[in-house]
């Protein structure tokens, strides 16, 4: 029998199917032999019945009975073999059904690769839309990220000699207010290290999600 499943056989199923088909072929051969024998005996019975009708002897009656019994025995053997063939056919159908299910599931597994890739991108795209919105809210605020409180402290009542409070430290502040500058550099250095570590974790999670290096 040709393998219709193109290599999808579950381990052991191909051997099992070959064994079942071998037994099926053997039994079908036996049935064919018995049916041929039965046909020959049937022909002999018809001749014997004619002889018995003509002679009405004990001998012709015995021949008729012998052929009738032979036909009955052959019929009984054929019935038994047919029951075995039916069981084998059921077993073969079961194996083929299992293999067909495996084949279908294998195709589904191949198809779901593209499905997963598409939806992975779609879900990430929607997330990035939300991320972009959050990024805009964090970065579009003019003046955000400047040391406003420190600048106001050194500029209070014009103590730094400047007409207006600047957005960031000026050269004079580095000379006259080093404590403020150093405090700002200290906390921003710590904040940068924290953000870099968190960003590295985020990148690792994103690369894990996409299953490849992005940077």
C-alpha atoms as a PDB file:
ATOM      1  CA  UNK A   1       0.000   0.000   0.000  1.00  0.00           C
ATOM      2  CA  UNK A   2       1.333   3.422  -0.928  1.00  0.00           C
ATOM      3  CA  UNK A   3       2.135   5.692   2.009  1.00  0.00           C
ATOM      4  CA  UNK A   4      -0.407   8.486   1.696  1.00  0.00           C
ATOM      5  CA  UNK A   5       0.882  10.412   4.693  1.00  0.00           C
ATOM      6  CA  UNK A   6       4.248  11.487   3.269  1.00  0.00           C
ATOM      7  CA  UNK A   7       6.314  10.624   6.322  1.00  0.00           C
ATOM      8  CA  UNK A   8       3.830  11.619   9.016  1.00  0.00           C
ATOM      9  CA  UNK A   9       3.773   8.103  10.511  1.00  0.00           C
ATOM     10  CA  UNK A  10       3.933   8.018  14.266  1.00  0.00           C
ATOM     11  CA  UNK A  11       6.819   5.923  15.492  1.00  0.00           C
ATOM     12  CA  UNK A  12       5.711   2.285  15.375  1.00  0.00           C
ATOM     13  CA  UNK A  13       2.571   2.907  13.326  1.00  0.00           C
ATOM     14  CA  UNK A  14       4.187   2.170   9.969  1.00  0.00           C
ATOM     15  CA  UNK A  15       5.437  -1.219  11.188  1.00  0.00           C
ATOM     16  CA  UNK A  16       2.065  -1.921  12.789  1.00  0.00           C
ATOM     17  CA  UNK A  17       0.243  -1.034   9.562  1.00  0.00           C
ATOM     18  CA  UNK A  18       2.535  -3.221   7.466  1.00  0.00           C
ATOM     19  CA  UNK A  19       1.932  -6.135   9.848  1.00  0.00           C
ATOM     20  CA  UNK A  20      -1.848  -5.656   9.733  1.00  0.00           C
ATOM     21  CA  UNK A  21      -1.845  -5.406   5.949  1.00  0.00           C
ATOM     22  CA  UNK A  22       0.312  -8.536   5.728  1.00  0.00           C
ATOM     23  CA  UNK A  23      -2.173 -10.468   7.872  1.00  0.00           C
ATOM     24  CA  UNK A  24      -5.022  -9.031   5.811  1.00  0.00           C
ATOM     25  CA  UNK A  25      -3.444 -10.207   2.556  1.00  0.00           C
ATOM     26  CA  UNK A  26      -2.816 -13.679   3.984  1.00  0.00           C
ATOM     27  CA  UNK A  27      -6.417 -14.069   5.157  1.00  0.00           C
ATOM     28  CA  UNK A  28      -7.802 -12.743   1.866  1.00  0.00           C
ATOM     29  CA  UNK A  29      -5.720 -15.388   0.087  1.00  0.00           C
ATOM     30  CA  UNK A  30      -7.209 -18.104   2.317  1.00  0.00           C
ATOM     31  CA  UNK A  31     -10.728 -16.827   1.647  1.00  0.00           C
ATOM     32  CA  UNK A  32     -10.102 -16.854  -2.095  1.00  0.00           C
ATOM     33  CA  UNK A  33      -8.851 -20.448  -1.919  1.00  0.00           C
ATOM     34  CA  UNK A  34     -11.854 -21.546   0.135  1.00  0.00           C
ATOM     35  CA  UNK A  35     -14.280 -19.782  -2.193  1.00  0.00           C
ATOM     36  CA  UNK A  36     -12.660 -21.464  -5.197  1.00  0.00           C
ATOM     37  CA  UNK A  37     -12.852 -24.818  -3.409  1.00  0.00           C
ATOM     38  CA  UNK A  38     -16.457 -24.126  -2.476  1.00  0.00           C
ATOM     39  CA  UNK A  39     -17.302 -23.354  -6.110  1.00  0.00           C
ATOM     40  CA  UNK A  40     -15.735 -26.634  -7.263  1.00  0.00           C
ATOM     41  CA  UNK A  41     -17.584 -28.586  -4.601  1.00  0.00           C
ATOM     42  CA  UNK A  42     -20.807 -26.821  -5.583  1.00  0.00           C
ATOM     43  CA  UNK A  43     -20.323 -28.003  -9.159  1.00  0.00           C
ATOM     44  CA  UNK A  44     -19.611 -31.530  -7.932  1.00  0.00           C
ATOM     45  CA  UNK A  45     -22.713 -31.361  -5.736  1.00  0.00           C
ATOM     46  CA  UNK A  46     -24.892 -30.483  -8.710  1.00  0.00           C
ATOM     47  CA  UNK A  47     -23.579 -33.498 -10.615  1.00  0.00           C
ATOM     48  CA  UNK A  48     -23.995 -35.723  -7.567  1.00  0.00           C
ATOM     49  CA  UNK A  49     -27.579 -34.543  -7.130  1.00  0.00           C
ATOM     50  CA  UNK A  50     -28.307 -35.463 -10.748  1.00  0.00           C
ATOM     51  CA  UNK A  51     -26.777 -38.903 -10.217  1.00  0.00           C
ATOM     52  CA  UNK A  52     -28.811 -39.362  -7.049  1.00  0.00           C
ATOM     53  CA  UNK A  53     -32.005 -38.353  -8.814  1.00  0.00           C
ATOM     54  CA  UNK A  54     -31.283 -40.997 -11.426  1.00  0.00           C
ATOM     55  CA  UNK A  55     -30.029 -43.817  -9.192  1.00  0.00           C
ATOM     56  CA  UNK A  56     -31.569 -43.098  -5.764  1.00  0.00           C
ATOM     57  CA  UNK A  57     -28.832 -45.251  -4.231  1.00  0.00           C
ATOM     58  CA  UNK A  58     -27.133 -45.147  -0.860  1.00  0.00           C
ATOM     59  CA  UNK A  59     -23.840 -44.372  -2.582  1.00  0.00           C
ATOM     60  CA  UNK A  60     -25.186 -41.374  -4.479  1.00  0.00           C
ATOM     61  CA  UNK A  61     -26.891 -40.144  -1.295  1.00  0.00           C
ATOM     62  CA  UNK A  62     -23.577 -40.326   0.563  1.00  0.00           C
ATOM     63  CA  UNK A  63     -21.859 -38.337  -2.192  1.00  0.00           C
ATOM     64  CA  UNK A  64     -24.532 -35.645  -2.019  1.00  0.00           C
ATOM     65  CA  UNK A  65     -24.274 -35.483   1.778  1.00  0.00           C
ATOM     66  CA  UNK A  66     -20.461 -35.339   1.577  1.00  0.00           C
ATOM     67  CA  UNK A  67     -20.524 -32.370  -0.787  1.00  0.00           C
ATOM     68  CA  UNK A  68     -23.203 -30.580   1.242  1.00  0.00           C
ATOM     69  CA  UNK A  69     -21.110 -31.013   4.395  1.00  0.00           C
ATOM     70  CA  UNK A  70     -17.968 -29.792   2.599  1.00  0.00           C
ATOM     71  CA  UNK A  71     -19.796 -26.681   1.416  1.00  0.00           C
ATOM     72  CA  UNK A  72     -21.095 -26.011   4.930  1.00  0.00           C
ATOM     73  CA  UNK A  73     -17.608 -26.416   6.419  1.00  0.00           C
ATOM     74  CA  UNK A  74     -16.128 -24.099   3.786  1.00  0.00           C
ATOM     75  CA  UNK A  75     -18.858 -21.549   4.455  1.00  0.00           C
ATOM     76  CA  UNK A  76     -18.138 -21.745   8.189  1.00  0.00           C
ATOM     77  CA  UNK A  77     -14.390 -21.234   7.600  1.00  0.00           C
ATOM     78  CA  UNK A  78     -15.032 -18.333   5.231  1.00  0.00           C
ATOM     79  CA  UNK A  79     -17.322 -16.693   7.798  1.00  0.00           C
ATOM     80  CA  UNK A  80     -14.660 -17.062  10.493  1.00  0.00           C
ATOM     81  CA  UNK A  81     -11.971 -15.629   8.215  1.00  0.00           C
ATOM     82  CA  UNK A  82     -14.269 -12.783   7.193  1.00  0.00           C
ATOM     83  CA  UNK A  83     -14.777 -11.863  10.843  1.00  0.00           C
ATOM     84  CA  UNK A  84     -11.002 -11.743  11.252  1.00  0.00           C
ATOM     85  CA  UNK A  85     -10.736  -9.613   8.123  1.00  0.00           C
ATOM     86  CA  UNK A  86     -13.359  -7.229   9.476  1.00  0.00           C
ATOM     87  CA  UNK A  87     -11.343  -6.851  12.694  1.00  0.00           C
ATOM     88  CA  UNK A  88      -8.159  -6.231  10.701  1.00  0.00           C
ATOM     89  CA  UNK A  89      -9.958  -3.665   8.510  1.00  0.00           C
ATOM     90  CA  UNK A  90     -11.122  -1.874  11.651  1.00  0.00           C
ATOM     91  CA  UNK A  91      -7.586  -1.865  13.083  1.00  0.00           C
ATOM     92  CA  UNK A  92      -6.135  -0.583   9.810  1.00  0.00           C
ATOM     93  CA  UNK A  93      -8.766   2.159   9.658  1.00  0.00           C
ATOM     94  CA  UNK A  94      -7.873   3.136  13.225  1.00  0.00           C
ATOM     95  CA  UNK A  95      -4.175   3.442  12.393  1.00  0.00           C
ATOM     96  CA  UNK A  96      -4.940   5.417   9.231  1.00  0.00           C
ATOM     97  CA  UNK A  97      -7.279   7.715  11.168  1.00  0.00           C
ATOM     98  CA  UNK A  98      -4.562   8.379  13.752  1.00  0.00           C
ATOM     99  CA  UNK A  99      -2.052   9.131  11.013  1.00  0.00           C
ATOM    100  CA  UNK A 100      -4.491  11.445   9.249  1.00  0.00           C
ATOM    101  CA  UNK A 101      -5.031  13.327  12.507  1.00  0.00           C
ATOM    102  CA  UNK A 102      -1.266  13.610  12.965  1.00  0.00           C
ATOM    103  CA  UNK A 103      -0.931  14.894   9.409  1.00  0.00           C
ATOM    104  CA  UNK A 104      -3.618  17.531   9.966  1.00  0.00           C
ATOM    105  CA  UNK A 105      -2.088  18.609  13.280  1.00  0.00           C
ATOM    106  CA  UNK A 106       1.331  18.845  11.621  1.00  0.00           C
ATOM    107  CA  UNK A 107      -0.101  21.148   8.958  1.00  0.00           C
ATOM    108  CA  UNK A 108      -1.745  23.238  11.676  1.00  0.00           C
ATOM    109  CA  UNK A 109       1.583  23.535  13.504  1.00  0.00           C
ATOM    110  CA  UNK A 110       3.217  24.766  10.299  1.00  0.00           C
ATOM    111  CA  UNK A 111       0.446  27.293   9.679  1.00  0.00           C
ATOM    112  CA  UNK A 112       0.476  28.631  13.232  1.00  0.00           C
ATOM    113  CA  UNK A 113       4.089  29.794  12.776  1.00  0.00           C
ATOM    114  CA  UNK A 114       2.941  32.516  10.387  1.00  0.00           C
ATOM    115  CA  UNK A 115      -0.086  33.257  12.554  1.00  0.00           C
ATOM    116  CA  UNK A 116       2.109  33.742  15.609  1.00  0.00           C
ATOM    117  CA  UNK A 117       4.582  35.954  13.738  1.00  0.00           C
ATOM    118  CA  UNK A 118       1.795  38.161  12.365  1.00  0.00           C
ATOM    119  CA  UNK A 119       0.031  38.560  15.697  1.00  0.00           C
ATOM    120  CA  UNK A 120       3.317  39.033  17.537  1.00  0.00           C
ATOM    121  CA  UNK A 121       3.945  42.044  15.318  1.00  0.00           C
ATOM    122  CA  UNK A 122       0.356  43.296  15.590  1.00  0.00           C
ATOM    123  CA  UNK A 123       0.325  43.108  19.379  1.00  0.00           C
ATOM    124  CA  UNK A 124       3.736  44.802  19.590  1.00  0.00           C
ATOM    125  CA  UNK A 125       2.514  47.517  17.191  1.00  0.00           C
ATOM    126  CA  UNK A 126      -0.460  48.268  19.436  1.00  0.00           C
ATOM    127  CA  UNK A 127       1.796  48.325  22.480  1.00  0.00           C
ATOM    128  CA  UNK A 128       4.203  50.696  20.715  1.00  0.00           C
ATOM    129  CA  UNK A 129       1.286  53.023  19.986  1.00  0.00           C
ATOM    130  CA  UNK A 130       0.644  53.242  23.721  1.00  0.00           C
ATOM    131  CA  UNK A 131       4.376  53.546  24.417  1.00  0.00           C
ATOM    132  CA  UNK A 132       4.713  56.383  21.880  1.00  0.00           C
ATOM    133  CA  UNK A 133       1.867  58.214  23.597  1.00  0.00           C
ATOM    134  CA  UNK A 134       3.611  57.851  26.946  1.00  0.00           C
ATOM    135  CA  UNK A 135       6.962  58.922  25.461  1.00  0.00           C
ATOM    136  CA  UNK A 136       5.355  62.039  24.016  1.00  0.00           C
ATOM    137  CA  UNK A 137       3.841  62.929  27.389  1.00  0.00           C
ATOM    138  CA  UNK A 138       7.254  62.547  29.036  1.00  0.00           C
ATOM    139  CA  UNK A 139       9.391  64.376  26.473  1.00  0.00           C
ATOM    140  CA  UNK A 140       7.151  67.103  25.083  1.00  0.00           C
ATOM    141  CA  UNK A 141       7.047  69.064  28.338  1.00  0.00           C
ATOM    142  CA  UNK A 142       9.340  72.039  27.770  1.00  0.00           C
ATOM    143  CA  UNK A 143      11.807  72.431  30.582  1.00  0.00           C
ATOM    144  CA  UNK A 144      11.290  68.915  31.893  1.00  0.00           C
ATOM    145  CA  UNK A 145      14.527  67.307  32.980  1.00  0.00           C
ATOM    146  CA  UNK A 146      16.153  70.570  34.101  1.00  0.00           C
ATOM    147  CA  UNK A 147      17.321  71.279  37.682  1.00  0.00           C
ATOM    148  CA  UNK A 148      14.573  73.853  38.247  1.00  0.00           C
ATOM    149  CA  UNK A 149      14.612  73.817  42.047  1.00  0.00           C
ATOM    150  CA  UNK A 150      18.396  74.009  42.280  1.00  0.00           C
ATOM    151  CA  UNK A 151      18.483  76.866  39.759  1.00  0.00           C
ATOM    152  CA  UNK A 152      15.780  78.770  41.656  1.00  0.00           C
ATOM    153  CA  UNK A 153      17.737  78.265  44.869  1.00  0.00           C
ATOM    154  CA  UNK A 154      20.971  79.751  43.490  1.00  0.00           C
ATOM    155  CA  UNK A 155      19.108  82.494  41.607  1.00  0.00           C
ATOM    156  CA  UNK A 156      16.859  83.490  44.561  1.00  0.00           C
ATOM    157  CA  UNK A 157      16.555  87.274  44.594  1.00  0.00           C
ATOM    158  CA  UNK A 158      19.225  87.522  41.879  1.00  0.00           C
ATOM    159  CA  UNK A 159      21.985  86.195  44.093  1.00  0.00           C
ATOM    160  CA  UNK A 160      23.741  84.723  41.073  1.00  0.00           C
ATOM    161  CA  UNK A 161      23.878  88.124  39.405  1.00  0.00           C
ATOM    162  CA  UNK A 162      21.702  87.019  36.490  1.00  0.00           C
ATOM    163  CA  UNK A 163      18.693  89.047  35.378  1.00  0.00           C
ATOM    164  CA  UNK A 164      16.508  85.965  34.796  1.00  0.00           C
ATOM    165  CA  UNK A 165      16.675  82.451  36.158  1.00  0.00           C
ATOM    166  CA  UNK A 166      18.269  80.270  33.442  1.00  0.00           C
ATOM    167  CA  UNK A 167      17.101  76.792  32.405  1.00  0.00           C
ATOM    168  CA  UNK A 168      20.346  75.155  33.459  1.00  0.00           C
ATOM    169  CA  UNK A 169      23.530  75.813  35.352  1.00  0.00           C
ATOM    170  CA  UNK A 170      25.687  78.613  33.957  1.00  0.00           C
ATOM    171  CA  UNK A 171      29.507  78.899  34.139  1.00  0.00           C
ATOM    172  CA  UNK A 172      29.219  81.210  37.137  1.00  0.00           C
ATOM    173  CA  UNK A 173      27.286  78.610  39.035  1.00  0.00           C
ATOM    174  CA  UNK A 174      30.131  76.128  38.651  1.00  0.00           C
ATOM    175  CA  UNK A 175      32.419  78.647  40.358  1.00  0.00           C
ATOM    176  CA  UNK A 176      30.086  80.109  42.961  1.00  0.00           C
ATOM    177  CA  UNK A 177      27.652  77.273  43.656  1.00  0.00           C
ATOM    178  CA  UNK A 178      29.637  74.048  43.263  1.00  0.00           C
ATOM    179  CA  UNK A 179      27.570  72.260  45.914  1.00  0.00           C
ATOM    180  CA  UNK A 180      24.426  72.680  43.843  1.00  0.00           C
ATOM    181  CA  UNK A 181      26.172  71.557  40.659  1.00  0.00           C
ATOM    182  CA  UNK A 182      27.754  68.539  42.359  1.00  0.00           C
ATOM    183  CA  UNK A 183      24.445  67.519  43.919  1.00  0.00           C
ATOM    184  CA  UNK A 184      22.803  67.695  40.478  1.00  0.00           C
ATOM    185  CA  UNK A 185      25.579  65.702  38.797  1.00  0.00           C
ATOM    186  CA  UNK A 186      25.441  63.094  41.554  1.00  0.00           C
ATOM    187  CA  UNK A 187      21.702  62.438  41.321  1.00  0.00           C
ATOM    188  CA  UNK A 188      21.643  62.578  37.507  1.00  0.00           C
ATOM    189  CA  UNK A 189      24.517  60.097  37.288  1.00  0.00           C
ATOM    190  CA  UNK A 190      22.605  57.751  39.578  1.00  0.00           C
ATOM    191  CA  UNK A 191      19.395  58.288  37.610  1.00  0.00           C
ATOM    192  CA  UNK A 192      21.203  57.589  34.300  1.00  0.00           C
ATOM    193  CA  UNK A 193      22.639  54.336  35.663  1.00  0.00           C
ATOM    194  CA  UNK A 194      19.188  53.274  36.862  1.00  0.00           C
ATOM    195  CA  UNK A 195      17.569  54.140  33.526  1.00  0.00           C
ATOM    196  CA  UNK A 196      20.293  52.381  31.537  1.00  0.00           C
ATOM    197  CA  UNK A 197      19.819  49.232  33.628  1.00  0.00           C
ATOM    198  CA  UNK A 198      16.038  49.352  33.242  1.00  0.00           C
ATOM    199  CA  UNK A 199      16.368  49.995  29.507  1.00  0.00           C
ATOM    200  CA  UNK A 200      18.712  47.012  29.200  1.00  0.00           C
ATOM    201  CA  UNK A 201      16.128  44.850  30.945  1.00  0.00           C
ATOM    202  CA  UNK A 202      13.425  46.206  28.649  1.00  0.00           C
ATOM    203  CA  UNK A 203      15.563  45.501  25.571  1.00  0.00           C
ATOM    204  CA  UNK A 204      16.227  41.978  26.789  1.00  0.00           C
ATOM    205  CA  UNK A 205      12.492  41.391  27.245  1.00  0.00           C
ATOM    206  CA  UNK A 206      11.710  42.832  23.799  1.00  0.00           C
ATOM    207  CA  UNK A 207      14.410  40.703  22.141  1.00  0.00           C
ATOM    208  CA  UNK A 208      13.058  37.661  23.936  1.00  0.00           C
ATOM    209  CA  UNK A 209       9.574  38.508  22.654  1.00  0.00           C
ATOM    210  CA  UNK A 210      10.808  38.756  19.060  1.00  0.00           C
ATOM    211  CA  UNK A 211      13.237  35.877  19.449  1.00  0.00           C
ATOM    212  CA  UNK A 212      16.247  37.756  18.057  1.00  0.00           C
ATOM    213  CA  UNK A 213      18.752  40.488  18.771  1.00  0.00           C
ATOM    214  CA  UNK A 214      17.551  43.951  17.812  1.00  0.00           C
ATOM    215  CA  UNK A 215      20.710  45.901  18.671  1.00  0.00           C
END
